[in-house]
């Protein structure tokens, strides 16, 4: 079975000095799946907040991790 990490270019974070910083954000890590498609489905099924937060899931970037 494989493990995947999903990241998105959407959003920003606040630096320690208070400045807003645009960056990539980790959306989630999915384990024990066969492939990227299964990982994507599992990510969305187990994390309702992703849709509620109105992320554009088409912009998600997926990497297999060890």
C-alpha atoms as a PDB file:
ATOM      1  CA  UNK A   1       0.000   0.000   0.000  1.00  0.00           C
ATOM      2  CA  UNK A   2       1.093   3.565  -0.644  1.00  0.00           C
ATOM      3  CA  UNK A   3       1.101   6.929   1.138  1.00  0.00           C
ATOM      4  CA  UNK A   4       0.391  10.329  -0.466  1.00  0.00           C
ATOM      5  CA  UNK A   5       0.623  13.968   0.595  1.00  0.00           C
ATOM      6  CA  UNK A   6      -1.683  16.632  -0.840  1.00  0.00           C
ATOM      7  CA  UNK A   7      -0.683  20.278  -1.001  1.00  0.00           C
ATOM      8  CA  UNK A   8      -2.354  23.393  -2.393  1.00  0.00           C
ATOM      9  CA  UNK A   9      -1.131  26.785  -3.576  1.00  0.00           C
ATOM     10  CA  UNK A  10      -4.300  28.383  -2.170  1.00  0.00           C
ATOM     11  CA  UNK A  11      -4.272  30.345   1.047  1.00  0.00           C
ATOM     12  CA  UNK A  12      -1.624  32.021   3.106  1.00  0.00           C
ATOM     13  CA  UNK A  13      -0.134  32.003   6.548  1.00  0.00           C
ATOM     14  CA  UNK A  14       0.987  34.611   9.047  1.00  0.00           C
ATOM     15  CA  UNK A  15       4.708  34.940   9.693  1.00  0.00           C
ATOM     16  CA  UNK A  16       6.028  35.460  13.235  1.00  0.00           C
ATOM     17  CA  UNK A  17       6.431  39.181  12.434  1.00  0.00           C
ATOM     18  CA  UNK A  18       2.724  39.447  11.528  1.00  0.00           C
ATOM     19  CA  UNK A  19       3.150  39.642   7.740  1.00  0.00           C
ATOM     20  CA  UNK A  20       0.888  37.547   5.530  1.00  0.00           C
ATOM     21  CA  UNK A  21       2.893  35.088   3.450  1.00  0.00           C
ATOM     22  CA  UNK A  22       1.648  33.261   0.350  1.00  0.00           C
ATOM     23  CA  UNK A  23       2.872  29.673   0.401  1.00  0.00           C
ATOM     24  CA  UNK A  24       1.986  26.083  -0.313  1.00  0.00           C
ATOM     25  CA  UNK A  25      -0.087  24.412   2.384  1.00  0.00           C
ATOM     26  CA  UNK A  26      -0.357  20.765   3.317  1.00  0.00           C
ATOM     27  CA  UNK A  27      -3.973  19.650   3.033  1.00  0.00           C
ATOM     28  CA  UNK A  28      -3.481  16.117   4.272  1.00  0.00           C
ATOM     29  CA  UNK A  29      -1.660  12.812   4.188  1.00  0.00           C
ATOM     30  CA  UNK A  30      -3.431   9.636   3.120  1.00  0.00           C
ATOM     31  CA  UNK A  31      -2.076   6.172   3.868  1.00  0.00           C
ATOM     32  CA  UNK A  32      -2.909   2.591   2.925  1.00  0.00           C
ATOM     33  CA  UNK A  33      -4.208   3.211  -0.596  1.00  0.00           C
ATOM     34  CA  UNK A  34      -3.426   1.632  -3.956  1.00  0.00           C
ATOM     35  CA  UNK A  35      -2.963   4.763  -6.066  1.00  0.00           C
ATOM     36  CA  UNK A  36      -3.332   8.536  -6.305  1.00  0.00           C
ATOM     37  CA  UNK A  37      -6.997   8.363  -7.343  1.00  0.00           C
ATOM     38  CA  UNK A  38      -7.933   6.266  -4.327  1.00  0.00           C
ATOM     39  CA  UNK A  39      -5.927   8.610  -2.120  1.00  0.00           C
ATOM     40  CA  UNK A  40      -7.799  11.643  -3.454  1.00  0.00           C
ATOM     41  CA  UNK A  41     -11.185  10.028  -2.835  1.00  0.00           C
ATOM     42  CA  UNK A  42     -10.181   8.978   0.676  1.00  0.00           C
ATOM     43  CA  UNK A  43      -8.855  12.463   1.446  1.00  0.00           C
ATOM     44  CA  UNK A  44     -12.180  14.081   0.555  1.00  0.00           C
ATOM     45  CA  UNK A  45     -14.328  11.430   2.252  1.00  0.00           C
ATOM     46  CA  UNK A  46     -12.450  11.698   5.540  1.00  0.00           C
ATOM     47  CA  UNK A  47     -12.100  15.509   5.584  1.00  0.00           C
ATOM     48  CA  UNK A  48     -15.399  17.353   5.073  1.00  0.00           C
ATOM     49  CA  UNK A  49     -13.702  20.610   6.060  1.00  0.00           C
ATOM     50  CA  UNK A  50     -11.869  20.731   2.700  1.00  0.00           C
ATOM     51  CA  UNK A  51     -15.098  21.352   0.780  1.00  0.00           C
ATOM     52  CA  UNK A  52     -16.557  23.478   3.589  1.00  0.00           C
ATOM     53  CA  UNK A  53     -13.479  25.744   3.409  1.00  0.00           C
ATOM     54  CA  UNK A  54     -14.077  26.096  -0.353  1.00  0.00           C
ATOM     55  CA  UNK A  55     -10.657  24.886  -1.485  1.00  0.00           C
ATOM     56  CA  UNK A  56     -10.398  24.346  -5.248  1.00  0.00           C
ATOM     57  CA  UNK A  57      -9.569  20.636  -5.241  1.00  0.00           C
ATOM     58  CA  UNK A  58      -8.535  20.852  -8.905  1.00  0.00           C
ATOM     59  CA  UNK A  59      -5.477  22.805  -7.727  1.00  0.00           C
ATOM     60  CA  UNK A  60      -4.311  20.115  -5.303  1.00  0.00           C
ATOM     61  CA  UNK A  61      -0.879  18.687  -5.953  1.00  0.00           C
ATOM     62  CA  UNK A  62      -0.286  15.080  -4.959  1.00  0.00           C
ATOM     63  CA  UNK A  63       3.038  13.358  -4.241  1.00  0.00           C
ATOM     64  CA  UNK A  64       3.700   9.805  -3.237  1.00  0.00           C
ATOM     65  CA  UNK A  65       5.779   9.708  -0.065  1.00  0.00           C
ATOM     66  CA  UNK A  66       7.679   6.873   1.573  1.00  0.00           C
END
